[in-house]
Amino acid sequence: MSLGKELTLEDVAREFENWRKTKVAGRHIPLELWQQVKKLPAHYRISQITQMLRINTEQYRRYVCPDLHTIARKATLTPSNDFIKVENPLLINGASTKLRLEFIRKDGATLNCYYSNTELLHETVRWFMGL
């Protein structure tokens, strides 16, 4: 991949395939490959990534967003109506990007909503929660 070129899902899929051709049985996916997955642009859906890379959603969440994975695991183990305040690292670092809110049903269906600012995101969550 050349410098300055945006990383694509196809690029990462090729790297995964190259690794699979030479991997030792029983070995986990190398951290270098997970780092590439983390660098993928936000416009890719999780379902696109997992299908193209032939990984499952649990793997994706464990390695790509471990903090969210931990929160989700705790939430399924101890149901609660409490909210966890999460600081948005995109705002802290001053990066300009779209925020994505993803809803996932138990049957695997997903709904992605993209926002240009946090107020629109908060408004959607308030509407959803009936606040």
C-alpha atoms as a PDB file:
ATOM      1  CA  MET A   1       0.000   0.000   0.000  1.00  0.00           C
ATOM      2  CA  SER A   2       1.405   3.399  -0.948  1.00  0.00           C
ATOM      3  CA  LEU A   3       1.833   6.307   1.445  1.00  0.00           C
ATOM      4  CA  GLY A   4      -0.977   8.824   1.526  1.00  0.00           C
ATOM      5  CA  LYS A   5      -3.549   6.319   0.295  1.00  0.00           C
ATOM      6  CA  GLU A   6      -6.544   5.761   2.564  1.00  0.00           C
ATOM      7  CA  LEU A   7      -6.601   2.250   3.975  1.00  0.00           C
ATOM      8  CA  THR A   8      -9.424   0.212   2.463  1.00  0.00           C
ATOM      9  CA  LEU A   9     -11.225  -2.875   3.649  1.00  0.00           C
ATOM     10  CA  GLU A  10      -9.921  -4.696   0.575  1.00  0.00           C
ATOM     11  CA  ASP A  11      -6.322  -3.861   1.590  1.00  0.00           C
ATOM     12  CA  VAL A  12      -6.841  -5.292   5.058  1.00  0.00           C
ATOM     13  CA  ALA A  13      -8.664  -8.353   3.674  1.00  0.00           C
ATOM     14  CA  ARG A  14      -5.620  -9.107   1.482  1.00  0.00           C
ATOM     15  CA  GLU A  15      -3.368  -8.894   4.543  1.00  0.00           C
ATOM     16  CA  PHE A  16      -5.649 -11.279   6.448  1.00  0.00           C
ATOM     17  CA  GLU A  17      -5.620 -13.733   3.529  1.00  0.00           C
ATOM     18  CA  ASN A  18      -1.817 -13.568   3.264  1.00  0.00           C
ATOM     19  CA  TRP A  19      -1.555 -14.289   6.982  1.00  0.00           C
ATOM     20  CA  ARG A  20      -4.005 -17.199   6.737  1.00  0.00           C
ATOM     21  CA  LYS A  21      -1.939 -18.790   3.930  1.00  0.00           C
ATOM     22  CA  THR A  22       1.151 -18.944   6.138  1.00  0.00           C
ATOM     23  CA  LYS A  23      -0.272 -19.142   9.665  1.00  0.00           C
ATOM     24  CA  VAL A  24       0.538 -21.867  12.126  1.00  0.00           C
ATOM     25  CA  ALA A  25      -2.535 -23.821  13.238  1.00  0.00           C
ATOM     26  CA  GLY A  26      -4.017 -22.565  16.485  1.00  0.00           C
ATOM     27  CA  ARG A  27      -2.368 -19.121  16.291  1.00  0.00           C
ATOM     28  CA  HIS A  28      -4.379 -15.997  16.997  1.00  0.00           C
ATOM     29  CA  ILE A  29      -4.671 -13.152  14.518  1.00  0.00           C
ATOM     30  CA  PRO A  30      -1.561 -10.954  14.990  1.00  0.00           C
ATOM     31  CA  LEU A  31      -1.961  -7.598  16.703  1.00  0.00           C
ATOM     32  CA  GLU A  32      -0.505  -5.885  13.611  1.00  0.00           C
ATOM     33  CA  LEU A  33      -3.560  -6.991  11.627  1.00  0.00           C
ATOM     34  CA  TRP A  34      -5.922  -5.757  14.359  1.00  0.00           C
ATOM     35  CA  GLN A  35      -4.133  -2.396  14.248  1.00  0.00           C
ATOM     36  CA  GLN A  36      -4.938  -2.197  10.530  1.00  0.00           C
ATOM     37  CA  VAL A  37      -8.603  -2.989  11.254  1.00  0.00           C
ATOM     38  CA  LYS A  38      -8.667  -0.137  13.796  1.00  0.00           C
ATOM     39  CA  LYS A  39      -7.387   2.261  11.108  1.00  0.00           C
ATOM     40  CA  LEU A  40     -10.227   1.501   8.693  1.00  0.00           C
ATOM     41  CA  PRO A  41     -12.404   4.524   7.907  1.00  0.00           C
ATOM     42  CA  ALA A  42     -15.619   4.837   9.936  1.00  0.00           C
ATOM     43  CA  HIS A  43     -17.852   4.477   6.870  1.00  0.00           C
ATOM     44  CA  TYR A  44     -17.420   0.672   6.909  1.00  0.00           C
ATOM     45  CA  ARG A  45     -20.129  -1.192   8.812  1.00  0.00           C
ATOM     46  CA  ILE A  46     -19.071  -3.795  11.343  1.00  0.00           C
ATOM     47  CA  SER A  47     -20.970  -6.425   9.363  1.00  0.00           C
ATOM     48  CA  GLN A  48     -18.989  -5.509   6.203  1.00  0.00           C
ATOM     49  CA  ILE A  49     -15.706  -5.785   8.082  1.00  0.00           C
ATOM     50  CA  THR A  50     -16.480  -9.080   9.785  1.00  0.00           C
ATOM     51  CA  GLN A  51     -17.741 -10.711   6.589  1.00  0.00           C
ATOM     52  CA  MET A  52     -14.856  -9.527   4.423  1.00  0.00           C
ATOM     53  CA  LEU A  53     -12.184 -10.456   6.984  1.00  0.00           C
ATOM     54  CA  ARG A  54     -13.923 -13.708   7.948  1.00  0.00           C
ATOM     55  CA  ILE A  55     -13.988 -12.884  11.648  1.00  0.00           C
ATOM     56  CA  ASN A  56     -16.912 -12.840  14.053  1.00  0.00           C
ATOM     57  CA  THR A  57     -18.435  -9.826  15.774  1.00  0.00           C
ATOM     58  CA  GLU A  58     -17.164 -10.949  19.173  1.00  0.00           C
ATOM     59  CA  GLN A  59     -13.550 -10.952  17.879  1.00  0.00           C
ATOM     60  CA  TYR A  60     -14.031  -7.552  16.298  1.00  0.00           C
ATOM     61  CA  ARG A  61     -15.360  -6.004  19.483  1.00  0.00           C
ATOM     62  CA  ARG A  62     -12.744  -7.664  21.697  1.00  0.00           C
ATOM     63  CA  TYR A  63      -9.780  -6.361  19.682  1.00  0.00           C
ATOM     64  CA  VAL A  64     -11.016  -3.224  17.954  1.00  0.00           C
ATOM     65  CA  CYS A  65     -13.058  -1.610  20.737  1.00  0.00           C
ATOM     66  CA  PRO A  66     -12.083  -3.424  23.945  1.00  0.00           C
ATOM     67  CA  ASP A  67     -13.551  -0.773  26.276  1.00  0.00           C
ATOM     68  CA  LEU A  68     -16.963  -1.049  24.612  1.00  0.00           C
ATOM     69  CA  HIS A  69     -16.621  -4.841  24.606  1.00  0.00           C
ATOM     70  CA  THR A  70     -16.019  -4.819  28.374  1.00  0.00           C
ATOM     71  CA  ILE A  71     -18.946  -2.469  28.993  1.00  0.00           C
ATOM     72  CA  ALA A  72     -21.236  -4.595  26.808  1.00  0.00           C
ATOM     73  CA  ARG A  73     -20.159  -7.819  28.534  1.00  0.00           C
ATOM     74  CA  LYS A  74     -20.788  -6.308  31.984  1.00  0.00           C
ATOM     75  CA  ALA A  75     -24.175  -5.013  30.850  1.00  0.00           C
ATOM     76  CA  THR A  76     -25.260  -8.487  29.718  1.00  0.00           C
ATOM     77  CA  LEU A  77     -24.044 -10.032  32.964  1.00  0.00           C
ATOM     78  CA  THR A  78     -25.555  -7.419  35.294  1.00  0.00           C
ATOM     79  CA  PRO A  79     -28.598  -5.719  33.746  1.00  0.00           C
ATOM     80  CA  SER A  80     -29.001  -2.157  34.946  1.00  0.00           C
ATOM     81  CA  ASN A  81     -30.782   1.050  34.070  1.00  0.00           C
ATOM     82  CA  ASP A  82     -27.703   3.079  35.002  1.00  0.00           C
ATOM     83  CA  PHE A  83     -25.841   4.949  32.312  1.00  0.00           C
ATOM     84  CA  ILE A  84     -22.084   5.074  31.993  1.00  0.00           C
ATOM     85  CA  LYS A  85     -20.641   8.441  31.059  1.00  0.00           C
ATOM     86  CA  VAL A  86     -18.155   8.045  28.221  1.00  0.00           C
ATOM     87  CA  GLU A  87     -15.982  10.921  27.056  1.00  0.00           C
ATOM     88  CA  ASN A  88     -15.779  11.269  23.304  1.00  0.00           C
ATOM     89  CA  PRO A  89     -12.069  11.040  22.359  1.00  0.00           C
ATOM     90  CA  LEU A  90     -12.838  12.655  19.001  1.00  0.00           C
ATOM     91  CA  LEU A  91     -13.874  15.872  20.732  1.00  0.00           C
ATOM     92  CA  ILE A  92     -10.998  15.769  23.195  1.00  0.00           C
ATOM     93  CA  ASN A  93      -8.452  15.523  20.379  1.00  0.00           C
ATOM     94  CA  GLY A  94     -10.271  18.130  18.286  1.00  0.00           C
ATOM     95  CA  ALA A  95     -10.611  15.811  15.289  1.00  0.00           C
ATOM     96  CA  SER A  96     -13.374  16.545  12.819  1.00  0.00           C
ATOM     97  CA  THR A  97     -15.197  13.371  11.966  1.00  0.00           C
ATOM     98  CA  LYS A  98     -18.686  11.963  12.004  1.00  0.00           C
ATOM     99  CA  LEU A  99     -19.992  10.225  15.086  1.00  0.00           C
ATOM    100  CA  ARG A 100     -21.649   6.861  14.580  1.00  0.00           C
ATOM    101  CA  LEU A 101     -24.381   5.401  16.756  1.00  0.00           C
ATOM    102  CA  GLU A 102     -24.914   1.722  16.059  1.00  0.00           C
ATOM    103  CA  PHE A 103     -27.906  -0.301  17.196  1.00  0.00           C
ATOM    104  CA  ILE A 104     -27.565  -4.091  17.086  1.00  0.00           C
ATOM    105  CA  ARG A 105     -30.437  -6.502  17.637  1.00  0.00           C
ATOM    106  CA  LYS A 106     -29.988  -9.988  19.017  1.00  0.00           C
ATOM    107  CA  ASP A 107     -30.696 -11.405  15.559  1.00  0.00           C
ATOM    108  CA  GLY A 108     -27.637  -9.544  14.222  1.00  0.00           C
ATOM    109  CA  ALA A 109     -29.466  -6.787  12.331  1.00  0.00           C
ATOM    110  CA  THR A 110     -27.743  -3.424  12.663  1.00  0.00           C
ATOM    111  CA  LEU A 111     -28.768   0.200  12.268  1.00  0.00           C
ATOM    112  CA  ASN A 112     -26.042   2.848  11.913  1.00  0.00           C
ATOM    113  CA  CYS A 113     -26.762   6.548  12.423  1.00  0.00           C
ATOM    114  CA  TYR A 114     -24.109   9.136  11.575  1.00  0.00           C
ATOM    115  CA  TYR A 115     -23.937  12.560  13.231  1.00  0.00           C
ATOM    116  CA  SER A 116     -21.814  15.617  12.565  1.00  0.00           C
ATOM    117  CA  ASN A 117     -22.035  16.827  16.171  1.00  0.00           C
ATOM    118  CA  THR A 118     -22.792  15.491  19.623  1.00  0.00           C
ATOM    119  CA  GLU A 119     -25.966  17.557  20.114  1.00  0.00           C
ATOM    120  CA  LEU A 120     -27.731  15.697  17.285  1.00  0.00           C
ATOM    121  CA  LEU A 121     -26.541  12.399  18.743  1.00  0.00           C
ATOM    122  CA  HIS A 122     -27.798  13.380  22.224  1.00  0.00           C
ATOM    123  CA  GLU A 123     -31.134  14.468  20.756  1.00  0.00           C
ATOM    124  CA  THR A 124     -31.564  11.044  19.126  1.00  0.00           C
ATOM    125  CA  VAL A 125     -30.723   9.225  22.360  1.00  0.00           C
ATOM    126  CA  ARG A 126     -33.141  11.446  24.322  1.00  0.00           C
ATOM    127  CA  TRP A 127     -35.876  10.725  21.748  1.00  0.00           C
ATOM    128  CA  PHE A 128     -35.158   6.989  21.881  1.00  0.00           C
ATOM    129  CA  MET A 129     -35.231   6.963  25.688  1.00  0.00           C
ATOM    130  CA  GLY A 130     -38.394   9.112  25.794  1.00  0.00           C
ATOM    131  CA  LEU A 131     -36.723  11.864  27.794  1.00  0.00           C
END
